[in-house]
Amino acid sequence: MQPLHQLINKRVQNITKEELLEQAKKYQIKLTEKQAAQFIAWLSTHEVDLFSEKKRTELFQAAEAILGKREAAALENMLRPYKHFLKL
């Protein structure tokens, strides 16, 4: 894996609940503290690899299960600017 990929994956893997809530607010996504905590807990126990279609799908499925369909779609939209890197 390329160093830039490792850096990006590590950053996502280590996002804090506060950062997640801040990003949700920035993108006008309704997210409760409980949902944020559950998603952070999921991230802490799963390997994140945004550059792997399989792992990215797992991430989006977990987001949909924990956060809801609309919020998972918003997460995917947040990654759209990086689609040339992620091959979305």
C-alpha atoms as a PDB file:
ATOM      1  CA  MET A   1       0.000   0.000   0.000  1.00  0.00           C
ATOM      2  CA  GLN A   2       1.261   3.450  -0.859  1.00  0.00           C
ATOM      3  CA  PRO A   3       2.277   5.772   2.004  1.00  0.00           C
ATOM      4  CA  LEU A   4      -0.445   8.284   1.093  1.00  0.00           C
ATOM      5  CA  HIS A   5      -3.071   5.528   1.194  1.00  0.00           C
ATOM      6  CA  GLN A   6      -1.824   4.419   4.612  1.00  0.00           C
ATOM      7  CA  LEU A   7      -1.980   7.980   5.908  1.00  0.00           C
ATOM      8  CA  ILE A   8      -5.545   8.524   4.676  1.00  0.00           C
ATOM      9  CA  ASN A   9      -6.766   5.175   6.008  1.00  0.00           C
ATOM     10  CA  LYS A  10      -5.136   5.801   9.376  1.00  0.00           C
ATOM     11  CA  ARG A  11      -6.755   9.230   9.592  1.00  0.00           C
ATOM     12  CA  VAL A  12     -10.208   7.766   8.949  1.00  0.00           C
ATOM     13  CA  GLN A  13      -9.563   4.863  11.330  1.00  0.00           C
ATOM     14  CA  ASN A  14      -8.607   7.263  14.133  1.00  0.00           C
ATOM     15  CA  ILE A  15     -11.313   9.919  13.781  1.00  0.00           C
ATOM     16  CA  THR A  16     -12.723  10.936  17.141  1.00  0.00           C
ATOM     17  CA  LYS A  17     -16.384  11.156  18.054  1.00  0.00           C
ATOM     18  CA  GLU A  18     -16.037  14.932  18.341  1.00  0.00           C
ATOM     19  CA  GLU A  19     -14.481  15.188  14.882  1.00  0.00           C
ATOM     20  CA  LEU A  20     -17.203  12.992  13.416  1.00  0.00           C
ATOM     21  CA  LEU A  21     -19.918  15.142  14.987  1.00  0.00           C
ATOM     22  CA  GLU A  22     -18.170  18.278  13.702  1.00  0.00           C
ATOM     23  CA  GLN A  23     -18.020  16.891  10.163  1.00  0.00           C
ATOM     24  CA  ALA A  24     -21.674  15.847  10.358  1.00  0.00           C
ATOM     25  CA  LYS A  25     -22.616  19.369  11.369  1.00  0.00           C
ATOM     26  CA  LYS A  26     -20.483  20.816   8.564  1.00  0.00           C
ATOM     27  CA  TYR A  27     -22.307  18.651   6.010  1.00  0.00           C
ATOM     28  CA  GLN A  28     -25.701  19.242   7.662  1.00  0.00           C
ATOM     29  CA  ILE A  29     -26.145  15.618   8.676  1.00  0.00           C
ATOM     30  CA  LYS A  30     -28.235  14.877  11.745  1.00  0.00           C
ATOM     31  CA  LEU A  31     -26.105  12.612  13.891  1.00  0.00           C
ATOM     32  CA  THR A  32     -26.616  11.806  17.545  1.00  0.00           C
ATOM     33  CA  GLU A  33     -23.815  11.337  20.054  1.00  0.00           C
ATOM     34  CA  LYS A  34     -24.913   7.701  20.414  1.00  0.00           C
ATOM     35  CA  GLN A  35     -24.693   7.077  16.657  1.00  0.00           C
ATOM     36  CA  ALA A  36     -21.284   8.745  16.517  1.00  0.00           C
ATOM     37  CA  ALA A  37     -20.036   6.630  19.432  1.00  0.00           C
ATOM     38  CA  GLN A  38     -21.345   3.433  17.810  1.00  0.00           C
ATOM     39  CA  PHE A  39     -19.681   4.253  14.495  1.00  0.00           C
ATOM     40  CA  ILE A  40     -16.389   5.110  16.193  1.00  0.00           C
ATOM     41  CA  ALA A  41     -16.590   1.792  18.061  1.00  0.00           C
ATOM     42  CA  TRP A  42     -17.112  -0.003  14.752  1.00  0.00           C
ATOM     43  CA  LEU A  43     -14.125   1.801  13.238  1.00  0.00           C
ATOM     44  CA  SER A  44     -11.939   0.780  16.176  1.00  0.00           C
ATOM     45  CA  THR A  45     -12.611  -2.911  15.574  1.00  0.00           C
ATOM     46  CA  HIS A  46     -12.469  -3.041  11.771  1.00  0.00           C
ATOM     47  CA  GLU A  47      -9.759  -2.427   9.219  1.00  0.00           C
ATOM     48  CA  VAL A  48     -10.414   0.664   7.129  1.00  0.00           C
ATOM     49  CA  ASP A  49      -9.125   0.699   3.566  1.00  0.00           C
ATOM     50  CA  LEU A  50     -10.819   3.316   1.442  1.00  0.00           C
ATOM     51  CA  PHE A  51      -8.807   2.157  -1.547  1.00  0.00           C
ATOM     52  CA  SER A  52     -10.270  -1.348  -1.466  1.00  0.00           C
ATOM     53  CA  GLU A  53     -13.736  -1.660  -2.969  1.00  0.00           C
ATOM     54  CA  LYS A  54     -14.554  -4.537  -0.602  1.00  0.00           C
ATOM     55  CA  LYS A  55     -13.467  -2.664   2.548  1.00  0.00           C
ATOM     56  CA  ARG A  56     -15.111   0.560   1.389  1.00  0.00           C
ATOM     57  CA  THR A  57     -18.372  -1.349   0.848  1.00  0.00           C
ATOM     58  CA  GLU A  58     -18.095  -2.773   4.378  1.00  0.00           C
ATOM     59  CA  LEU A  59     -17.607   0.760   5.710  1.00  0.00           C
ATOM     60  CA  PHE A  60     -20.667   2.083   3.871  1.00  0.00           C
ATOM     61  CA  GLN A  61     -22.788  -0.888   4.975  1.00  0.00           C
ATOM     62  CA  ALA A  62     -21.770  -0.346   8.591  1.00  0.00           C
ATOM     63  CA  ALA A  63     -22.495   3.363   8.257  1.00  0.00           C
ATOM     64  CA  GLU A  64     -25.952   2.580   6.892  1.00  0.00           C
ATOM     65  CA  ALA A  65     -26.680   0.094   9.694  1.00  0.00           C
ATOM     66  CA  ILE A  66     -25.449   2.404  12.450  1.00  0.00           C
ATOM     67  CA  LEU A  67     -26.175   5.880  11.143  1.00  0.00           C
ATOM     68  CA  GLY A  68     -29.006   5.344   8.685  1.00  0.00           C
ATOM     69  CA  LYS A  69     -29.390   5.287   4.922  1.00  0.00           C
ATOM     70  CA  ARG A  70     -29.376   9.061   4.413  1.00  0.00           C
ATOM     71  CA  GLU A  71     -26.303   9.524   6.585  1.00  0.00           C
ATOM     72  CA  ALA A  72     -24.416   6.704   4.845  1.00  0.00           C
ATOM     73  CA  ALA A  73     -25.188   8.335   1.496  1.00  0.00           C
ATOM     74  CA  ALA A  74     -23.843  11.603   2.883  1.00  0.00           C
ATOM     75  CA  LEU A  75     -20.646   9.827   3.936  1.00  0.00           C
ATOM     76  CA  GLU A  76     -20.244   8.526   0.407  1.00  0.00           C
ATOM     77  CA  ASN A  77     -20.853  12.036  -0.954  1.00  0.00           C
ATOM     78  CA  MET A  78     -18.205  13.397   1.407  1.00  0.00           C
ATOM     79  CA  LEU A  79     -15.707  11.070  -0.275  1.00  0.00           C
ATOM     80  CA  ARG A  80     -16.751  11.992  -3.826  1.00  0.00           C
ATOM     81  CA  PRO A  81     -14.115  14.768  -4.201  1.00  0.00           C
ATOM     82  CA  TYR A  82     -11.490  12.042  -3.787  1.00  0.00           C
ATOM     83  CA  LYS A  83     -13.079   9.624  -6.257  1.00  0.00           C
ATOM     84  CA  HIS A  84     -10.094   9.757  -8.602  1.00  0.00           C
ATOM     85  CA  PHE A  85      -7.979   8.327  -5.766  1.00  0.00           C
ATOM     86  CA  LEU A  86     -10.593   5.882  -4.504  1.00  0.00           C
ATOM     87  CA  LYS A  87     -12.012   4.787  -7.854  1.00  0.00           C
ATOM     88  CA  LEU A  88     -15.603   5.352  -6.725  1.00  0.00           C
END
